[in-house]
């Protein structure tokens, strides 16, 4: 990744999406000193009223459209003023679902990263399959950063990449972003695996010989293994204990993600709501 980066930010003008924008700006422009171009996107899906007919008419609201466009324009103006660069922001006001709109913009603009604000209390609740974030992440060709409204727009130093080491595979775009984050002089990337038994954990000493390392050859990192019967609880406990700044997951590890998300214990878990989640693909 060069010194330039193109970031698509989905906004719905809530506190959560505003904080996601501030977080991304603080991280990539202020901390890393990158030349950032922002694509501010608002997807507005017109209402479809209840109807007994096969073809359901779409309700348009010109007044609401006008108000939302003004909000997007003002958001762009405020950001331009902060950056002192009118050419650093491009806005998109599109009718359609968020996923559909983002897919269209990706084809035209090829962003390096998508940033989305989230409002749920728990990071794992935020990442449950079926949410906007996971829907977008599972269909796009670039990494997705989910930022909670409680996240502090600050530096990212302690990062945890949770993996099962088996099906890990990420795109060059995700690899470049991970390398950018991990190889910064103050960064620390820990590759975490939760083993069900102590005997298996001892095998972690040989993890550097796995094919997994083909994706991390040029990325500064260290391996950490812990023992725990429940993968989700192990990851959460580790992130809490080490006050991690960012949790990283690879979308390619489908079975691993399902093991985490499809659990009855997920909603009961205590988790730092201010830890953003970076989804690599």
Protein backbone atom coordinates (compact mmCIF):
# COMPACT_ATOMS: atom_id res chain seq x y z
CA UNK A 1 0.00 0.00 0.00
CA UNK A 2 1.39 3.38 -0.97
CA UNK A 3 1.18 6.56 1.07
CA UNK A 4 -2.25 7.08 -0.47
CA UNK A 5 -5.35 5.24 0.71
CA UNK A 6 -8.98 5.36 -0.39
CA UNK A 7 -11.49 4.76 2.39
CA UNK A 8 -15.20 4.20 1.85
CA UNK A 9 -17.22 5.25 4.89
CA UNK A 10 -20.87 4.32 5.19
CA UNK A 11 -22.79 6.98 7.07
CA UNK A 12 -26.33 7.20 8.37
CA UNK A 13 -25.61 10.44 10.26
CA UNK A 14 -25.76 8.73 13.64
CA UNK A 15 -23.29 9.09 16.48
CA UNK A 16 -21.91 5.67 15.56
CA UNK A 17 -21.15 6.53 11.93
CA UNK A 18 -19.71 9.93 12.90
CA UNK A 19 -17.37 8.23 15.33
CA UNK A 20 -16.33 5.69 12.67
CA UNK A 21 -15.32 8.58 10.42
CA UNK A 22 -13.36 10.28 13.21
CA UNK A 23 -11.72 6.99 14.14
CA UNK A 24 -10.58 6.28 10.58
CA UNK A 25 -9.30 9.82 10.15
CA UNK A 26 -7.36 9.74 13.42
CA UNK A 27 -5.83 6.38 12.62
CA UNK A 28 -4.85 6.64 8.98
CA UNK A 29 -4.34 10.33 8.38
CA UNK A 30 -3.16 11.66 11.74
CA UNK A 31 -1.26 8.65 13.06
CA UNK A 32 0.03 7.05 9.89
CA UNK A 33 0.29 10.29 7.94
CA UNK A 34 -1.38 8.85 4.85
CA UNK A 35 -2.89 10.82 2.02
CA UNK A 36 -6.53 9.79 2.44
CA UNK A 37 -9.40 10.12 0.00
CA UNK A 38 -12.79 9.61 1.61
CA UNK A 39 -15.83 8.22 -0.15
CA UNK A 40 -18.78 9.23 2.04
CA UNK A 41 -21.72 6.98 1.24
CA UNK A 42 -25.32 7.20 2.34
CA UNK A 43 -27.61 4.45 1.11
CA UNK A 44 -31.29 5.22 1.42
CA UNK A 45 -33.78 2.46 0.82
CA UNK A 46 -37.25 3.84 -0.04
CA UNK A 47 -40.15 2.42 1.94
CA UNK A 48 -42.28 -0.34 0.47
CA UNK A 49 -45.78 -0.17 1.97
CA UNK A 50 -47.83 -3.22 2.74
CA UNK A 51 -49.74 -4.38 -0.30
CA UNK A 52 -51.78 -7.40 -1.37
CA UNK A 53 -50.69 -6.99 -4.96
CA UNK A 54 -47.69 -8.86 -6.38
CA UNK A 55 -46.00 -5.61 -7.40
CA UNK A 56 -45.48 -3.42 -4.34
CA UNK A 57 -45.10 0.30 -5.07
CA UNK A 58 -42.16 2.20 -3.59
CA UNK A 59 -42.91 5.26 -1.50
CA UNK A 60 -40.75 8.25 -2.37
CA UNK A 61 -40.29 11.15 0.01
CA UNK A 62 -38.72 14.13 -1.70
CA UNK A 63 -38.59 16.14 1.52
CA UNK A 64 -36.71 13.40 3.34
CA UNK A 65 -34.37 12.94 0.37
CA UNK A 66 -33.59 16.66 0.43
CA UNK A 67 -32.89 16.64 4.17
CA UNK A 68 -30.58 13.65 3.93
CA UNK A 69 -28.69 15.14 0.99
CA UNK A 70 -28.15 18.32 3.01
CA UNK A 71 -26.77 16.29 5.91
CA UNK A 72 -24.37 14.48 3.59
CA UNK A 73 -23.25 17.75 2.02
CA UNK A 74 -22.68 19.30 5.45
CA UNK A 75 -20.73 16.27 6.64
CA UNK A 76 -18.50 16.52 3.57
CA UNK A 77 -18.05 20.28 4.08
CA UNK A 78 -17.03 19.81 7.72
CA UNK A 79 -14.53 17.13 6.77
CA UNK A 80 -13.13 19.23 3.91
CA UNK A 81 -12.60 22.11 6.31
CA UNK A 82 -10.82 19.84 8.76
CA UNK A 83 -8.57 18.41 6.03
CA UNK A 84 -8.20 21.75 4.26
CA UNK A 85 -8.70 19.85 1.02
CA UNK A 86 -11.90 20.03 -1.03
CA UNK A 87 -10.69 17.25 -3.33
CA UNK A 88 -10.24 14.67 -0.55
CA UNK A 89 -13.95 13.90 -0.20
CA UNK A 90 -16.39 12.40 -2.63
CA UNK A 91 -20.04 11.89 -1.69
CA UNK A 92 -22.58 9.31 -2.82
CA UNK A 93 -26.28 9.54 -2.07
CA UNK A 94 -27.87 6.43 -3.53
CA UNK A 95 -31.23 4.70 -3.32
CA UNK A 96 -30.95 1.02 -2.49
CA UNK A 97 -29.71 -1.30 0.23
CA UNK A 98 -26.35 -0.50 1.79
CA UNK A 99 -24.78 -3.66 0.40
CA UNK A 100 -26.03 -2.99 -3.13
CA UNK A 101 -24.81 0.59 -3.09
CA UNK A 102 -21.40 -0.30 -1.69
CA UNK A 103 -20.96 -3.05 -4.28
CA UNK A 104 -21.62 -0.55 -7.05
CA UNK A 105 -19.16 2.01 -5.68
CA UNK A 106 -16.48 -0.62 -5.18
CA UNK A 107 -16.63 -1.55 -8.85
CA UNK A 108 -16.09 2.08 -9.84
CA UNK A 109 -13.70 3.32 -7.15
CA UNK A 110 -11.81 0.24 -5.85
CA UNK A 111 -11.37 1.47 -2.25
CA UNK A 112 -8.66 0.06 0.02
CA UNK A 113 -10.93 -0.17 3.06
CA UNK A 114 -14.58 0.07 4.07
CA UNK A 115 -15.38 1.61 7.46
CA UNK A 116 -18.74 1.10 9.15
CA UNK A 117 -20.08 2.30 12.49
CA UNK A 118 -21.83 -0.15 14.78
CA UNK A 119 -24.16 0.43 17.68
CA UNK A 120 -24.59 -2.91 19.45
CA UNK A 121 -23.11 -3.40 22.91
CA UNK A 122 -20.87 -6.37 22.16
CA UNK A 123 -18.32 -6.81 19.39
CA UNK A 124 -19.53 -10.33 18.79
CA UNK A 125 -23.12 -9.16 18.66
CA UNK A 126 -21.97 -6.57 16.14
CA UNK A 127 -20.38 -9.28 14.05
CA UNK A 128 -23.23 -11.78 14.06
CA UNK A 129 -23.86 -13.13 10.58
CA UNK A 130 -26.81 -11.30 9.09
CA UNK A 131 -25.90 -7.79 10.23
CA UNK A 132 -25.06 -5.08 7.73
CA UNK A 133 -21.39 -5.40 8.54
CA UNK A 134 -21.15 -9.11 7.88
CA UNK A 135 -23.39 -8.86 4.84
CA UNK A 136 -21.08 -6.28 3.32
CA UNK A 137 -17.87 -8.01 4.45
CA UNK A 138 -18.91 -11.33 2.93
CA UNK A 139 -19.59 -9.86 -0.50
CA UNK A 140 -16.94 -7.18 -1.05
CA UNK A 141 -13.37 -7.47 -2.26
CA UNK A 142 -11.69 -5.29 0.36
CA UNK A 143 -11.28 -5.35 4.15
CA UNK A 144 -14.01 -3.97 6.40
CA UNK A 145 -13.43 -2.13 9.68
CA UNK A 146 -16.37 -2.14 12.13
CA UNK A 147 -16.08 0.68 14.69
CA UNK A 148 -18.30 0.90 17.75
CA UNK A 149 -19.63 4.29 18.75
CA UNK A 150 -17.69 3.93 22.04
CA UNK A 151 -14.33 3.46 20.29
CA UNK A 152 -11.79 6.18 20.98
CA UNK A 153 -10.33 7.80 17.85
CA UNK A 154 -6.73 7.13 18.79
CA UNK A 155 -3.77 4.96 17.92
CA UNK A 156 -3.86 1.22 17.32
CA UNK A 157 -0.88 -0.43 18.98
CA UNK A 158 -1.94 -3.80 20.42
CA UNK A 159 -3.62 -5.90 17.75
CA UNK A 160 -4.91 -9.48 18.00
CA UNK A 161 -5.39 -11.66 14.94
CA UNK A 162 -7.54 -14.62 16.01
CA UNK A 163 -7.23 -17.67 13.77
CA UNK A 164 -7.62 -21.43 13.71
CA UNK A 165 -4.51 -21.64 11.47
CA UNK A 166 -6.20 -24.04 9.04
CA UNK A 167 -8.05 -22.10 6.36
CA UNK A 168 -6.38 -18.72 6.76
CA UNK A 169 -6.29 -16.92 3.44
CA UNK A 170 -6.47 -13.20 2.69
CA UNK A 171 -6.37 -11.10 -0.45
CA UNK A 172 -3.37 -8.95 -1.42
CA UNK A 173 -5.40 -5.88 -0.47
CA UNK A 174 -6.03 -7.22 3.03
CA UNK A 175 -2.43 -8.35 3.32
CA UNK A 176 -1.18 -4.89 2.42
CA UNK A 177 -3.42 -3.26 5.02
CA UNK A 178 -2.37 -5.73 7.70
CA UNK A 179 1.28 -5.17 6.86
CA UNK A 180 0.78 -1.40 7.06
CA UNK A 181 -0.78 -1.68 10.51
CA UNK A 182 1.55 -4.32 11.95
CA UNK A 183 4.86 -2.95 10.69
CA UNK A 184 4.37 0.53 12.09
CA UNK A 185 7.16 1.19 14.59
CA UNK A 186 4.89 1.16 17.66
CA UNK A 187 2.56 -1.64 16.62
CA UNK A 188 2.33 -5.10 18.12
CA UNK A 189 0.50 -7.92 16.32
CA UNK A 190 -0.28 -11.08 18.27
CA UNK A 191 -1.54 -14.10 16.34
CA UNK A 192 -3.85 -15.88 18.75
CA UNK A 193 -5.04 -19.47 18.66
CA UNK A 194 -7.19 -21.13 21.31
CA UNK A 195 -6.28 -24.78 21.84
CA UNK A 196 -8.75 -27.14 23.57
CA UNK A 197 -5.98 -28.90 25.53
CA UNK A 198 -2.52 -28.25 26.90
CA UNK A 199 -1.07 -31.05 24.78
CA UNK A 200 -2.23 -29.37 21.59
CA UNK A 201 -1.00 -26.02 22.82
CA UNK A 202 2.51 -27.42 22.99
CA UNK A 203 2.34 -27.93 19.23
CA UNK A 204 2.09 -24.16 18.84
CA UNK A 205 5.86 -24.06 18.98
CA UNK A 206 5.82 -25.44 15.45
CA UNK A 207 3.25 -22.98 14.12
CA UNK A 208 5.86 -21.00 12.22
CA UNK A 209 6.20 -23.91 9.79
CA UNK A 210 2.56 -23.90 8.71
CA UNK A 211 1.32 -22.64 5.34
CA UNK A 212 -0.38 -19.94 7.37
CA UNK A 213 2.93 -18.07 7.40
CA UNK A 214 2.91 -17.56 3.66
CA UNK A 215 0.48 -14.74 4.39
CA UNK A 216 2.55 -13.26 7.22
CA UNK A 217 6.06 -13.58 5.84
CA UNK A 218 6.60 -9.82 5.64
CA UNK A 219 4.48 -8.87 8.63
CA UNK A 220 5.91 -8.35 12.09
CA UNK A 221 4.06 -10.61 14.53
CA UNK A 222 4.31 -13.04 17.41
CA UNK A 223 2.35 -16.21 18.17
CA UNK A 224 0.31 -16.63 21.31
CA UNK A 225 -1.54 -19.78 22.28
CA UNK A 226 -3.96 -20.26 25.14
CA UNK A 227 -5.93 -23.24 26.39
CA UNK A 228 -9.70 -23.10 26.58
CA UNK A 229 -12.63 -25.33 25.79
CA UNK A 230 -14.63 -22.45 24.31
CA UNK A 231 -13.01 -20.51 21.45
CA UNK A 232 -15.16 -17.40 21.86
CA UNK A 233 -14.56 -17.12 25.57
CA UNK A 234 -10.84 -17.63 25.03
CA UNK A 235 -10.58 -14.83 22.49
CA UNK A 236 -12.66 -12.43 24.55
CA UNK A 237 -10.74 -13.18 27.72
CA UNK A 238 -7.43 -12.57 25.93
CA UNK A 239 -8.59 -9.28 24.36
CA UNK A 240 -9.92 -8.03 27.68
CA UNK A 241 -6.88 -9.05 29.68
CA UNK A 242 -4.38 -7.51 27.26
CA UNK A 243 -6.46 -4.40 26.55
CA UNK A 244 -6.18 -4.96 22.82
CA UNK A 245 -6.90 -2.01 20.51
CA UNK A 246 -8.08 -4.04 17.51
CA UNK A 247 -9.46 -7.53 16.92
CA UNK A 248 -8.70 -8.94 13.47
CA UNK A 249 -10.56 -11.82 11.82
CA UNK A 250 -10.15 -13.42 8.42
CA UNK A 251 -13.37 -13.99 6.52
CA UNK A 252 -11.78 -16.93 4.69
CA UNK A 253 -11.92 -19.00 7.87
CA UNK A 254 -15.63 -19.71 7.50
CA UNK A 255 -15.79 -22.65 9.89
CA UNK A 256 -13.81 -20.71 12.48
CA UNK A 257 -16.13 -17.69 12.28
CA UNK A 258 -19.20 -19.91 12.54
CA UNK A 259 -17.71 -21.51 15.64
CA UNK A 260 -17.40 -18.06 17.19
CA UNK A 261 -20.69 -16.51 16.12
CA UNK A 262 -23.08 -19.43 16.29
CA UNK A 263 -23.00 -19.95 20.03
CA UNK A 264 -25.67 -19.61 22.72
CA UNK A 265 -23.13 -17.94 24.98
CA UNK A 266 -22.33 -15.07 22.68
CA UNK A 267 -24.93 -12.62 23.97
CA UNK A 268 -24.04 -13.37 27.57
CA UNK A 269 -20.37 -12.61 27.18
CA UNK A 270 -18.84 -9.51 28.65
CA UNK A 271 -16.77 -7.74 26.02
CA UNK A 272 -15.09 -4.37 25.58
CA UNK A 273 -17.52 -2.51 23.35
CA UNK A 274 -14.86 -0.05 22.28
CA UNK A 275 -12.64 -2.59 20.49
CA UNK A 276 -13.04 -2.25 16.70
CA UNK A 277 -13.09 -5.37 14.53
CA UNK A 278 -11.17 -5.59 11.24
CA UNK A 279 -12.46 -8.24 8.84
CA UNK A 280 -9.95 -9.39 6.23
CA UNK A 281 -10.94 -11.24 3.08
